[in-house]
């Protein structure tokens, strides 16, 4: 995989990844120099590894409170993450989850407006 390659290019998750990179990854203190993408640079990023599960977990909830999102995140993403029980856990997403939820919901809102 080349440094610029992205696992989600050309998939249904491409727009979500772009929005997350803009609003979440840009604030991540764990991203390696020249990242993202981070996996090709040796950083096992929880977002890059678990994006479909993260989007699905956010789609399960519509709340003004973060607690339900955190619960779904831990049950649906963290519990099955390959980084669990490694030096890469907890990932930065644990602290940036609110921004990820906002990014995913922004994409959903754009998609909904485009469909109307």
PDB file of N, CA and C in Angstrom:
ATOM      1  N   UNK A   1       0.855  -1.178   0.000  1.00  0.00           N
ATOM      2  CA  UNK A   1       0.000   0.000   0.000  1.00  0.00           C
ATOM      3  C   UNK A   1       0.892   1.229   0.000  1.00  0.00           C
ATOM      4  N   UNK A   2       0.626   2.165  -0.905  1.00  0.00           N
ATOM      5  CA  UNK A   2       1.462   3.359  -0.895  1.00  0.00           C
ATOM      6  C   UNK A   2       0.988   4.317   0.171  1.00  0.00           C
ATOM      7  N   UNK A   3       1.853   5.271   0.476  1.00  0.00           N
ATOM      8  CA  UNK A   3       1.598   6.167   1.590  1.00  0.00           C
ATOM      9  C   UNK A   3       0.282   6.934   1.447  1.00  0.00           C
ATOM     10  N   UNK A   4      -0.097   7.288   0.241  1.00  0.00           N
ATOM     11  CA  UNK A   4      -1.302   8.069   0.027  1.00  0.00           C
ATOM     12  C   UNK A   4      -2.548   7.223  -0.165  1.00  0.00           C
ATOM     13  N   UNK A   5      -2.387   5.927  -0.250  1.00  0.00           N
ATOM     14  CA  UNK A   5      -3.543   5.059  -0.495  1.00  0.00           C
ATOM     15  C   UNK A   5      -4.488   5.119   0.690  1.00  0.00           C
ATOM     16  N   UNK A   6      -5.758   4.945   0.393  1.00  0.00           N
ATOM     17  CA  UNK A   6      -6.750   4.985   1.451  1.00  0.00           C
ATOM     18  C   UNK A   6      -7.681   3.799   1.304  1.00  0.00           C
ATOM     19  N   UNK A   7      -7.810   3.048   2.352  1.00  0.00           N
ATOM     20  CA  UNK A   7      -8.638   1.851   2.372  1.00  0.00           C
ATOM     21  C   UNK A   7     -10.075   2.132   1.949  1.00  0.00           C
ATOM     22  N   UNK A   8     -10.577   3.345   2.169  1.00  0.00           N
ATOM     23  CA  UNK A   8     -11.980   3.634   1.926  1.00  0.00           C
ATOM     24  C   UNK A   8     -12.242   4.422   0.647  1.00  0.00           C
ATOM     25  N   UNK A   9     -11.217   4.710  -0.167  1.00  0.00           N
ATOM     26  CA  UNK A   9     -11.449   5.378  -1.445  1.00  0.00           C
ATOM     27  C   UNK A   9     -12.361   4.529  -2.303  1.00  0.00           C
ATOM     28  N   UNK A  10     -13.358   5.169  -2.883  1.00  0.00           N
ATOM     29  CA  UNK A  10     -14.253   4.467  -3.790  1.00  0.00           C
ATOM     30  C   UNK A  10     -15.288   3.593  -3.114  1.00  0.00           C
ATOM     31  N   UNK A  11     -15.449   3.711  -1.810  1.00  0.00           N
ATOM     32  CA  UNK A  11     -16.453   2.910  -1.102  1.00  0.00           C
ATOM     33  C   UNK A  11     -17.545   3.828  -0.579  1.00  0.00           C
ATOM     34  N   UNK A  12     -18.580   3.237  -0.029  1.00  0.00           N
ATOM     35  CA  UNK A  12     -19.668   4.015   0.544  1.00  0.00           C
ATOM     36  C   UNK A  12     -19.209   4.825   1.760  1.00  0.00           C
ATOM     37  N   UNK A  13     -18.026   4.525   2.284  1.00  0.00           N
ATOM     38  CA  UNK A  13     -17.525   5.214   3.476  1.00  0.00           C
ATOM     39  C   UNK A  13     -16.541   6.334   3.156  1.00  0.00           C
ATOM     40  N   UNK A  14     -16.262   6.552   1.883  1.00  0.00           N
ATOM     41  CA  UNK A  14     -15.275   7.559   1.476  1.00  0.00           C
ATOM     42  C   UNK A  14     -15.630   8.955   2.003  1.00  0.00           C
ATOM     43  N   UNK A  15     -16.896   9.339   1.878  1.00  0.00           N
ATOM     44  CA  UNK A  15     -17.308  10.667   2.338  1.00  0.00           C
ATOM     45  C   UNK A  15     -17.193  10.793   3.856  1.00  0.00           C
ATOM     46  N   UNK A  16     -17.523   9.714   4.566  1.00  0.00           N
ATOM     47  CA  UNK A  16     -17.372   9.730   6.027  1.00  0.00           C
ATOM     48  C   UNK A  16     -15.899   9.891   6.410  1.00  0.00           C
ATOM     49  N   UNK A  17     -15.019   9.151   5.755  1.00  0.00           N
ATOM     50  CA  UNK A  17     -13.596   9.241   6.079  1.00  0.00           C
ATOM     51  C   UNK A  17     -13.065  10.641   5.794  1.00  0.00           C
ATOM     52  N   UNK A  18     -13.477  11.227   4.680  1.00  0.00           N
ATOM     53  CA  UNK A  18     -13.012  12.577   4.344  1.00  0.00           C
ATOM     54  C   UNK A  18     -13.446  13.581   5.409  1.00  0.00           C
ATOM     55  N   UNK A  19     -14.685  13.483   5.847  1.00  0.00           N
ATOM     56  CA  UNK A  19     -15.200  14.401   6.874  1.00  0.00           C
ATOM     57  C   UNK A  19     -14.497  14.175   8.210  1.00  0.00           C
ATOM     58  N   UNK A  20     -14.268  12.932   8.561  1.00  0.00           N
ATOM     59  CA  UNK A  20     -13.559  12.623   9.803  1.00  0.00           C
ATOM     60  C   UNK A  20     -12.120  13.120   9.735  1.00  0.00           C
ATOM     61  N   UNK A  21     -11.479  12.930   8.614  1.00  0.00           N
ATOM     62  CA  UNK A  21     -10.097  13.432   8.488  1.00  0.00           C
ATOM     63  C   UNK A  21     -10.050  14.940   8.676  1.00  0.00           C
ATOM     64  N   UNK A  22     -11.037  15.622   8.137  1.00  0.00           N
ATOM     65  CA  UNK A  22     -11.073  17.084   8.214  1.00  0.00           C
ATOM     66  C   UNK A  22     -11.328  17.568   9.642  1.00  0.00           C
ATOM     67  N   UNK A  23     -12.265  16.938  10.347  1.00  0.00           N
ATOM     68  CA  UNK A  23     -12.698  17.453  11.641  1.00  0.00           C
ATOM     69  C   UNK A  23     -12.184  16.683  12.851  1.00  0.00           C
ATOM     70  N   UNK A  24     -11.715  15.461  12.656  1.00  0.00           N
ATOM     71  CA  UNK A  24     -11.253  14.654  13.789  1.00  0.00           C
ATOM     72  C   UNK A  24      -9.740  14.437  13.700  1.00  0.00           C
ATOM     73  N   UNK A  25      -9.296  13.856  12.611  1.00  0.00           N
ATOM     74  CA  UNK A  25      -7.870  13.545  12.462  1.00  0.00           C
ATOM     75  C   UNK A  25      -7.003  14.803  12.551  1.00  0.00           C
ATOM     76  N   UNK A  26      -7.544  15.916  12.072  1.00  0.00           N
ATOM     77  CA  UNK A  26      -6.795  17.173  12.127  1.00  0.00           C
ATOM     78  C   UNK A  26      -6.506  17.597  13.563  1.00  0.00           C
ATOM     79  N   UNK A  27      -7.246  17.047  14.526  1.00  0.00           N
ATOM     80  CA  UNK A  27      -7.059  17.384  15.941  1.00  0.00           C
ATOM     81  C   UNK A  27      -6.405  16.255  16.746  1.00  0.00           C
ATOM     82  N   UNK A  28      -6.080  15.169  16.073  1.00  0.00           N
ATOM     83  CA  UNK A  28      -5.527  14.006  16.767  1.00  0.00           C
ATOM     84  C   UNK A  28      -4.051  14.214  17.095  1.00  0.00           C
ATOM     85  N   UNK A  29      -3.722  14.114  18.359  1.00  0.00           N
ATOM     86  CA  UNK A  29      -2.330  14.295  18.767  1.00  0.00           C
ATOM     87  C   UNK A  29      -1.503  13.030  18.548  1.00  0.00           C
ATOM     88  N   UNK A  30      -2.162  11.928  18.204  1.00  0.00           N
ATOM     89  CA  UNK A  30      -1.450  10.672  17.972  1.00  0.00           C
ATOM     90  C   UNK A  30      -1.100  10.427  16.507  1.00  0.00           C
ATOM     91  N   UNK A  31      -1.577  11.270  15.599  1.00  0.00           N
ATOM     92  CA  UNK A  31      -1.306  11.007  14.193  1.00  0.00           C
ATOM     93  C   UNK A  31       0.180  11.207  13.909  1.00  0.00           C
ATOM     94  N   UNK A  32       0.748  10.319  13.115  1.00  0.00           N
ATOM     95  CA  UNK A  32       2.175  10.429  12.804  1.00  0.00           C
ATOM     96  C   UNK A  32       2.432  11.562  11.822  1.00  0.00           C
ATOM     97  N   UNK A  33       3.683  12.034  11.750  1.00  0.00           N
ATOM     98  CA  UNK A  33       4.012  13.049  10.748  1.00  0.00           C
ATOM     99  C   UNK A  33       3.602  12.557   9.360  1.00  0.00           C
ATOM    100  N   UNK A  34       3.025  13.443   8.583  1.00  0.00           N
ATOM    101  CA  UNK A  34       2.537  13.161   7.229  1.00  0.00           C
ATOM    102  C   UNK A  34       1.276  12.313   7.227  1.00  0.00           C
ATOM    103  N   UNK A  35       0.666  12.069   8.377  1.00  0.00           N
ATOM    104  CA  UNK A  35      -0.594  11.327   8.422  1.00  0.00           C
ATOM    105  C   UNK A  35      -1.742  12.299   8.498  1.00  0.00           C
ATOM    106  N   UNK A  36      -2.906  11.895   8.233  1.00  0.00           N
ATOM    107  CA  UNK A  36      -3.368  10.595   7.781  1.00  0.00           C
ATOM    108  C   UNK A  36      -3.186  10.412   6.267  1.00  0.00           C
ATOM    109  N   UNK A  37      -3.349   9.205   5.759  1.00  0.00           N
ATOM    110  CA  UNK A  37      -3.666   7.993   6.485  1.00  0.00           C
ATOM    111  C   UNK A  37      -2.512   7.576   7.378  1.00  0.00           C
ATOM    112  N   UNK A  38      -2.844   6.939   8.459  1.00  0.00           N
ATOM    113  CA  UNK A  38      -1.860   6.603   9.482  1.00  0.00           C
ATOM    114  C   UNK A  38      -1.350   5.171   9.402  1.00  0.00           C
ATOM    115  N   UNK A  39      -2.197   4.228   8.963  1.00  0.00           N
ATOM    116  CA  UNK A  39      -1.764   2.832   8.921  1.00  0.00           C
ATOM    117  C   UNK A  39      -0.510   2.627   8.079  1.00  0.00           C
ATOM    118  N   UNK A  40      -0.411   3.232   6.901  1.00  0.00           N
ATOM    119  CA  UNK A  40       0.812   3.028   6.118  1.00  0.00           C
ATOM    120  C   UNK A  40       2.068   3.589   6.800  1.00  0.00           C
ATOM    121  N   UNK A  41       1.855   4.458   7.808  1.00  0.00           N
ATOM    122  CA  UNK A  41       2.965   5.072   8.527  1.00  0.00           C
ATOM    123  C   UNK A  41       3.252   4.348   9.844  1.00  0.00           C
ATOM    124  N   UNK A  42       2.595   3.213  10.062  1.00  0.00           N
ATOM    125  CA  UNK A  42       2.874   2.401  11.240  1.00  0.00           C
ATOM    126  C   UNK A  42       1.968   2.649  12.427  1.00  0.00           C
ATOM    127  N   UNK A  43       1.008   3.557  12.327  1.00  0.00           N
ATOM    128  CA  UNK A  43       0.074   3.832  13.421  1.00  0.00           C
ATOM    129  C   UNK A  43      -1.220   3.080  13.165  1.00  0.00           C
ATOM    130  N   UNK A  44      -1.561   2.176  14.042  1.00  0.00           N
ATOM    131  CA  UNK A  44      -2.803   1.405  13.898  1.00  0.00           C
ATOM    132  C   UNK A  44      -3.957   2.253  14.396  1.00  0.00           C
ATOM    133  N   UNK A  45      -4.510   3.033  13.505  1.00  0.00           N
ATOM    134  CA  UNK A  45      -5.561   3.999  13.830  1.00  0.00           C
ATOM    135  C   UNK A  45      -6.903   3.312  13.969  1.00  0.00           C
ATOM    136  N   UNK A  46      -7.575   3.534  15.103  1.00  0.00           N
ATOM    137  CA  UNK A  46      -8.880   2.952  15.349  1.00  0.00           C
ATOM    138  C   UNK A  46      -9.931   3.396  14.350  1.00  0.00           C
ATOM    139  N   UNK A  47      -9.849   4.628  13.872  1.00  0.00           N
ATOM    140  CA  UNK A  47     -10.802   5.108  12.871  1.00  0.00           C
ATOM    141  C   UNK A  47     -10.597   4.362  11.559  1.00  0.00           C
ATOM    142  N   UNK A  48      -9.370   4.292  11.106  1.00  0.00           N
ATOM    143  CA  UNK A  48      -9.088   3.637   9.825  1.00  0.00           C
ATOM    144  C   UNK A  48      -9.431   2.153   9.873  1.00  0.00           C
ATOM    145  N   UNK A  49      -9.201   1.520  10.989  1.00  0.00           N
ATOM    146  CA  UNK A  49      -9.472   0.091  11.128  1.00  0.00           C
ATOM    147  C   UNK A  49     -10.971  -0.190  11.242  1.00  0.00           C
ATOM    148  N   UNK A  50     -11.691   0.669  11.948  1.00  0.00           N
ATOM    149  CA  UNK A  50     -13.081   0.380  12.332  1.00  0.00           C
ATOM    150  C   UNK A  50     -14.122   1.343  11.763  1.00  0.00           C
ATOM    151  N   UNK A  51     -13.828   2.029  10.670  1.00  0.00           N
ATOM    152  CA  UNK A  51     -14.755   3.044  10.175  1.00  0.00           C
ATOM    153  C   UNK A  51     -16.172   2.513   9.943  1.00  0.00           C
ATOM    154  N   UNK A  52     -16.379   1.391   9.257  1.00  0.00           N
ATOM    155  CA  UNK A  52     -17.763   0.930   9.061  1.00  0.00           C
ATOM    156  C   UNK A  52     -18.499   0.679  10.381  1.00  0.00           C
ATOM    157  N   UNK A  53     -17.818   0.104  11.350  1.00  0.00           N
ATOM    158  CA  UNK A  53     -18.437  -0.164  12.645  1.00  0.00           C
ATOM    159  C   UNK A  53     -18.736   1.142  13.388  1.00  0.00           C
ATOM    160  N   UNK A  54     -17.839   2.118  13.249  1.00  0.00           N
ATOM    161  CA  UNK A  54     -18.050   3.415  13.891  1.00  0.00           C
ATOM    162  C   UNK A  54     -19.273   4.107  13.298  1.00  0.00           C
ATOM    163  N   UNK A  55     -19.371   4.131  11.980  1.00  0.00           N
ATOM    164  CA  UNK A  55     -20.524   4.764  11.326  1.00  0.00           C
ATOM    165  C   UNK A  55     -21.807   4.053  11.738  1.00  0.00           C
ATOM    166  N   UNK A  56     -21.789   2.747  11.746  1.00  0.00           N
ATOM    167  CA  UNK A  56     -22.969   1.976  12.134  1.00  0.00           C
ATOM    168  C   UNK A  56     -23.366   2.263  13.590  1.00  0.00           C
ATOM    169  N   UNK A  57     -22.393   2.358  14.472  1.00  0.00           N
ATOM    170  CA  UNK A  57     -22.680   2.645  15.886  1.00  0.00           C
ATOM    171  C   UNK A  57     -23.329   4.020  16.032  1.00  0.00           C
ATOM    172  N   UNK A  58     -22.856   4.996  15.277  1.00  0.00           N
ATOM    173  CA  UNK A  58     -23.449   6.341  15.334  1.00  0.00           C
ATOM    174  C   UNK A  58     -24.862   6.306  14.759  1.00  0.00           C
ATOM    175  N   UNK A  59     -25.070   5.540  13.692  1.00  0.00           N
ATOM    176  CA  UNK A  59     -26.395   5.456  13.080  1.00  0.00           C
ATOM    177  C   UNK A  59     -27.431   4.793  13.989  1.00  0.00           C
ATOM    178  N   UNK A  60     -26.994   4.040  14.964  1.00  0.00           N
ATOM    179  CA  UNK A  60     -27.926   3.393  15.898  1.00  0.00           C
ATOM    180  C   UNK A  60     -28.544   4.384  16.874  1.00  0.00           C
ATOM    181  N   UNK A  61     -27.969   5.553  16.976  1.00  0.00           N
ATOM    182  CA  UNK A  61     -28.384   6.496  18.012  1.00  0.00           C
ATOM    183  C   UNK A  61     -28.649   7.871  17.400  1.00  0.00           C
ATOM    184  N   UNK A  62     -29.637   8.555  17.930  1.00  0.00           N
ATOM    185  CA  UNK A  62     -29.883   9.964  17.604  1.00  0.00           C
ATOM    186  C   UNK A  62     -30.228  10.629  18.919  1.00  0.00           C
ATOM    187  N   UNK A  63     -29.241  11.313  19.473  1.00  0.00           N
ATOM    188  CA  UNK A  63     -29.417  11.868  20.811  1.00  0.00           C
ATOM    189  C   UNK A  63     -28.718  13.212  20.914  1.00  0.00           C
ATOM    190  N   UNK A  64     -29.192  14.024  21.824  1.00  0.00           N
ATOM    191  CA  UNK A  64     -28.515  15.281  22.145  1.00  0.00           C
ATOM    192  C   UNK A  64     -27.435  15.069  23.200  1.00  0.00           C
ATOM    193  N   UNK A  65     -27.337  13.839  23.696  1.00  0.00           N
ATOM    194  CA  UNK A  65     -26.387  13.496  24.749  1.00  0.00           C
ATOM    195  C   UNK A  65     -25.334  12.560  24.185  1.00  0.00           C
ATOM    196  N   UNK A  66     -24.119  12.640  24.664  1.00  0.00           N
ATOM    197  CA  UNK A  66     -23.034  11.781  24.178  1.00  0.00           C
ATOM    198  C   UNK A  66     -23.058  10.389  24.798  1.00  0.00           C
ATOM    199  N   UNK A  67     -23.621  10.244  25.972  1.00  0.00           N
ATOM    200  CA  UNK A  67     -23.583   8.951  26.667  1.00  0.00           C
ATOM    201  C   UNK A  67     -24.068   7.787  25.812  1.00  0.00           C
ATOM    202  N   UNK A  68     -25.180   7.905  25.092  1.00  0.00           N
ATOM    203  CA  UNK A  68     -25.604   6.771  24.264  1.00  0.00           C
ATOM    204  C   UNK A  68     -24.611   6.441  23.139  1.00  0.00           C
ATOM    205  N   UNK A  69     -24.003   7.465  22.561  1.00  0.00           N
ATOM    206  CA  UNK A  69     -23.000   7.235  21.517  1.00  0.00           C
ATOM    207  C   UNK A  69     -21.779   6.521  22.097  1.00  0.00           C
ATOM    208  N   UNK A  70     -21.367   6.941  23.269  1.00  0.00           N
ATOM    209  CA  UNK A  70     -20.216   6.316  23.926  1.00  0.00           C
ATOM    210  C   UNK A  70     -20.509   4.853  24.209  1.00  0.00           C
ATOM    211  N   UNK A  71     -21.727   4.578  24.673  1.00  0.00           N
ATOM    212  CA  UNK A  71     -22.117   3.197  24.970  1.00  0.00           C
ATOM    213  C   UNK A  71     -22.059   2.330  23.703  1.00  0.00           C
ATOM    214  N   UNK A  72     -22.646   2.815  22.612  1.00  0.00           N
ATOM    215  CA  UNK A  72     -22.622   2.061  21.355  1.00  0.00           C
ATOM    216  C   UNK A  72     -21.190   1.911  20.836  1.00  0.00           C
ATOM    217  N   UNK A  73     -20.393   2.956  20.980  1.00  0.00           N
ATOM    218  CA  UNK A  73     -18.999   2.911  20.548  1.00  0.00           C
ATOM    219  C   UNK A  73     -18.252   1.796  21.278  1.00  0.00           C
ATOM    220  N   UNK A  74     -18.400   1.745  22.584  1.00  0.00           N
ATOM    221  CA  UNK A  74     -17.699   0.717  23.361  1.00  0.00           C
ATOM    222  C   UNK A  74     -18.227  -0.687  23.064  1.00  0.00           C
ATOM    223  N   UNK A  75     -19.536  -0.824  22.894  1.00  0.00           N
ATOM    224  CA  UNK A  75     -20.126  -2.140  22.631  1.00  0.00           C
ATOM    225  C   UNK A  75     -19.878  -2.622  21.203  1.00  0.00           C
ATOM    226  N   UNK A  76     -20.009  -1.723  20.226  1.00  0.00           N
ATOM    227  CA  UNK A  76     -19.990  -2.127  18.821  1.00  0.00           C
ATOM    228  C   UNK A  76     -18.643  -1.962  18.134  1.00  0.00           C
ATOM    229  N   UNK A  77     -17.795  -1.110  18.663  1.00  0.00           N
ATOM    230  CA  UNK A  77     -16.495  -0.868  18.027  1.00  0.00           C
ATOM    231  C   UNK A  77     -15.370  -1.403  18.906  1.00  0.00           C
ATOM    232  N   UNK A  78     -15.233  -0.846  20.080  1.00  0.00           N
ATOM    233  CA  UNK A  78     -14.116  -1.227  20.959  1.00  0.00           C
ATOM    234  C   UNK A  78     -14.098  -2.720  21.280  1.00  0.00           C
ATOM    235  N   UNK A  79     -15.243  -3.274  21.545  1.00  0.00           N
ATOM    236  CA  UNK A  79     -15.316  -4.677  21.964  1.00  0.00           C
ATOM    237  C   UNK A  79     -14.771  -5.636  20.911  1.00  0.00           C
ATOM    238  N   UNK A  80     -14.745  -5.206  19.650  1.00  0.00           N
ATOM    239  CA  UNK A  80     -14.314  -6.081  18.556  1.00  0.00           C
ATOM    240  C   UNK A  80     -13.065  -5.568  17.846  1.00  0.00           C
ATOM    241  N   UNK A  81     -12.441  -4.542  18.368  1.00  0.00           N
ATOM    242  CA  UNK A  81     -11.302  -3.897  17.715  1.00  0.00           C
ATOM    243  C   UNK A  81     -10.034  -4.743  17.842  1.00  0.00           C
ATOM    244  N   UNK A  82      -9.289  -4.834  16.756  1.00  0.00           N
ATOM    245  CA  UNK A  82      -8.028  -5.588  16.779  1.00  0.00           C
ATOM    246  C   UNK A  82      -6.980  -4.907  17.651  1.00  0.00           C
ATOM    247  N   UNK A  83      -7.174  -3.633  17.948  1.00  0.00           N
ATOM    248  CA  UNK A  83      -6.235  -2.910  18.810  1.00  0.00           C
ATOM    249  C   UNK A  83      -6.483  -3.160  20.295  1.00  0.00           C
ATOM    250  N   UNK A  84      -7.616  -3.759  20.609  1.00  0.00           N
ATOM    251  CA  UNK A  84      -7.962  -4.016  22.017  1.00  0.00           C
ATOM    252  C   UNK A  84      -6.874  -4.878  22.653  1.00  0.00           C
ATOM    253  N   UNK A  85      -6.531  -4.539  23.852  1.00  0.00           N
ATOM    254  CA  UNK A  85      -5.497  -5.273  24.602  1.00  0.00           C
ATOM    255  C   UNK A  85      -4.107  -5.136  23.985  1.00  0.00           C
ATOM    256  N   UNK A  86      -3.874  -4.050  23.239  1.00  0.00           N
ATOM    257  CA  UNK A  86      -2.547  -3.786  22.691  1.00  0.00           C
ATOM    258  C   UNK A  86      -2.103  -2.405  23.148  1.00  0.00           C
ATOM    259  N   UNK A  87      -0.897  -2.037  22.790  1.00  0.00           N
ATOM    260  CA  UNK A  87      -0.375  -0.714  23.138  1.00  0.00           C
ATOM    261  C   UNK A  87      -1.122   0.410  22.423  1.00  0.00           C
ATOM    262  N   UNK A  88      -1.920   0.075  21.411  1.00  0.00           N
ATOM    263  CA  UNK A  88      -2.656   1.072  20.648  1.00  0.00           C
ATOM    264  C   UNK A  88      -4.026   1.379  21.250  1.00  0.00           C
ATOM    265  N   UNK A  89      -4.347   0.765  22.368  1.00  0.00           N
ATOM    266  CA  UNK A  89      -5.636   0.934  23.026  1.00  0.00           C
ATOM    267  C   UNK A  89      -5.406   1.590  24.389  1.00  0.00           C
ATOM    268  N   UNK A  90      -6.201   2.563  24.745  1.00  0.00           N
ATOM    269  CA  UNK A  90      -7.287   3.136  23.968  1.00  0.00           C
ATOM    270  C   UNK A  90      -6.738   4.037  22.868  1.00  0.00           C
ATOM    271  N   UNK A  91      -7.480   4.121  21.779  1.00  0.00           N
ATOM    272  CA  UNK A  91      -7.067   4.962  20.666  1.00  0.00           C
ATOM    273  C   UNK A  91      -7.544   6.388  20.907  1.00  0.00           C
ATOM    274  N   UNK A  92      -7.060   7.288  20.104  1.00  0.00           N
ATOM    275  CA  UNK A  92      -7.422   8.701  20.255  1.00  0.00           C
ATOM    276  C   UNK A  92      -8.917   8.927  20.061  1.00  0.00           C
ATOM    277  N   UNK A  93      -9.578   8.014  19.371  1.00  0.00           N
ATOM    278  CA  UNK A  93     -11.012   8.167  19.153  1.00  0.00           C
ATOM    279  C   UNK A  93     -11.783   8.168  20.466  1.00  0.00           C
ATOM    280  N   UNK A  94     -11.248   7.532  21.466  1.00  0.00           N
ATOM    281  CA  UNK A  94     -11.881   7.545  22.787  1.00  0.00           C
ATOM    282  C   UNK A  94     -12.110   8.986  23.249  1.00  0.00           C
ATOM    283  N   UNK A  95     -11.175   9.870  22.907  1.00  0.00           N
ATOM    284  CA  UNK A  95     -11.247  11.263  23.354  1.00  0.00           C
ATOM    285  C   UNK A  95     -11.824  12.192  22.287  1.00  0.00           C
ATOM    286  N   UNK A  96     -11.884  11.711  21.052  1.00  0.00           N
ATOM    287  CA  UNK A  96     -12.363  12.523  19.941  1.00  0.00           C
ATOM    288  C   UNK A  96     -13.721  12.047  19.414  1.00  0.00           C
ATOM    289  N   UNK A  97     -14.377  11.194  20.165  1.00  0.00           N
ATOM    290  CA  UNK A  97     -15.625  10.597  19.701  1.00  0.00           C
ATOM    291  C   UNK A  97     -16.686  11.640  19.397  1.00  0.00           C
ATOM    292  N   UNK A  98     -16.800  12.664  20.208  1.00  0.00           N
ATOM    293  CA  UNK A  98     -17.810  13.691  19.960  1.00  0.00           C
ATOM    294  C   UNK A  98     -17.607  14.326  18.584  1.00  0.00           C
ATOM    295  N   UNK A  99     -16.373  14.587  18.224  1.00  0.00           N
ATOM    296  CA  UNK A  99     -16.081  15.157  16.903  1.00  0.00           C
ATOM    297  C   UNK A  99     -16.412  14.172  15.791  1.00  0.00           C
ATOM    298  N   UNK A 100     -16.161  12.890  16.027  1.00  0.00           N
ATOM    299  CA  UNK A 100     -16.485  11.869  15.027  1.00  0.00           C
ATOM    300  C   UNK A 100     -17.991  11.771  14.828  1.00  0.00           C
ATOM    301  N   UNK A 101     -18.743  11.816  15.898  1.00  0.00           N
ATOM    302  CA  UNK A 101     -20.202  11.777  15.796  1.00  0.00           C
ATOM    303  C   UNK A 101     -20.690  12.976  14.990  1.00  0.00           C
ATOM    304  N   UNK A 102     -20.167  14.155  15.287  1.00  0.00           N
ATOM    305  CA  UNK A 102     -20.558  15.357  14.553  1.00  0.00           C
ATOM    306  C   UNK A 102     -20.222  15.229  13.068  1.00  0.00           C
ATOM    307  N   UNK A 103     -19.064  14.676  12.745  1.00  0.00           N
ATOM    308  CA  UNK A 103     -18.651  14.515  11.351  1.00  0.00           C
ATOM    309  C   UNK A 103     -19.568  13.535  10.617  1.00  0.00           C
ATOM    310  N   UNK A 104     -19.871  12.415  11.242  1.00  0.00           N
ATOM    311  CA  UNK A 104     -20.743  11.409  10.628  1.00  0.00           C
ATOM    312  C   UNK A 104     -22.145  11.975  10.427  1.00  0.00           C
ATOM    313  N   UNK A 105     -22.648  12.682  11.415  1.00  0.00           N
ATOM    314  CA  UNK A 105     -23.983  13.264  11.287  1.00  0.00           C
ATOM    315  C   UNK A 105     -24.019  14.382  10.243  1.00  0.00           C
ATOM    316  N   UNK A 106     -22.921  15.104  10.058  1.00  0.00           N
ATOM    317  CA  UNK A 106     -22.850  16.131   9.011  1.00  0.00           C
ATOM    318  C   UNK A 106     -22.944  15.492   7.629  1.00  0.00           C
ATOM    319  N   UNK A 107     -22.269  14.372   7.438  1.00  0.00           N
ATOM    320  CA  UNK A 107     -22.354  13.649   6.162  1.00  0.00           C
ATOM    321  C   UNK A 107     -23.773  13.151   5.945  1.00  0.00           C
ATOM    322  N   UNK A 108     -24.373  12.580   6.968  1.00  0.00           N
ATOM    323  CA  UNK A 108     -25.746  12.084   6.858  1.00  0.00           C
ATOM    324  C   UNK A 108     -26.712  13.203   6.475  1.00  0.00           C
ATOM    325  N   UNK A 109     -26.527  14.355   7.081  1.00  0.00           N
ATOM    326  CA  UNK A 109     -27.387  15.497   6.792  1.00  0.00           C
ATOM    327  C   UNK A 109     -27.217  15.944   5.335  1.00  0.00           C
ATOM    328  N   UNK A 110     -25.985  15.995   4.855  1.00  0.00           N
ATOM    329  CA  UNK A 110     -25.749  16.348   3.444  1.00  0.00           C
ATOM    330  C   UNK A 110     -26.392  15.349   2.507  1.00  0.00           C
ATOM    331  N   UNK A 111     -26.242  14.073   2.830  1.00  0.00           N
ATOM    332  CA  UNK A 111     -26.835  13.023   2.001  1.00  0.00           C
ATOM    333  C   UNK A 111     -28.358  13.133   1.987  1.00  0.00           C
ATOM    334  N   UNK A 112     -28.940  13.419   3.122  1.00  0.00           N
ATOM    335  CA  UNK A 112     -30.386  13.544   3.222  1.00  0.00           C
ATOM    336  C   UNK A 112     -30.883  14.735   2.398  1.00  0.00           C
ATOM    337  N   UNK A 113     -30.180  15.865   2.471  1.00  0.00           N
ATOM    338  CA  UNK A 113     -30.566  17.048   1.693  1.00  0.00           C
ATOM    339  C   UNK A 113     -30.414  16.788   0.197  1.00  0.00           C
ATOM    340  N   UNK A 114     -29.380  16.069  -0.190  1.00  0.00           N
ATOM    341  CA  UNK A 114     -29.158  15.757  -1.607  1.00  0.00           C
ATOM    342  C   UNK A 114     -30.229  14.827  -2.151  1.00  0.00           C
ATOM    343  N   UNK A 115     -30.771  13.977  -1.289  1.00  0.00           N
ATOM    344  CA  UNK A 115     -31.794  13.026  -1.712  1.00  0.00           C
ATOM    345  C   UNK A 115     -33.163  13.673  -1.869  1.00  0.00           C
ATOM    346  N   UNK A 116     -33.332  14.846  -1.278  1.00  0.00           N
ATOM    347  CA  UNK A 116     -34.641  15.521  -1.324  1.00  0.00           C
ATOM    348  C   UNK A 116     -34.857  16.273  -2.603  1.00  0.00           C
TER     349      UNK A 116
END
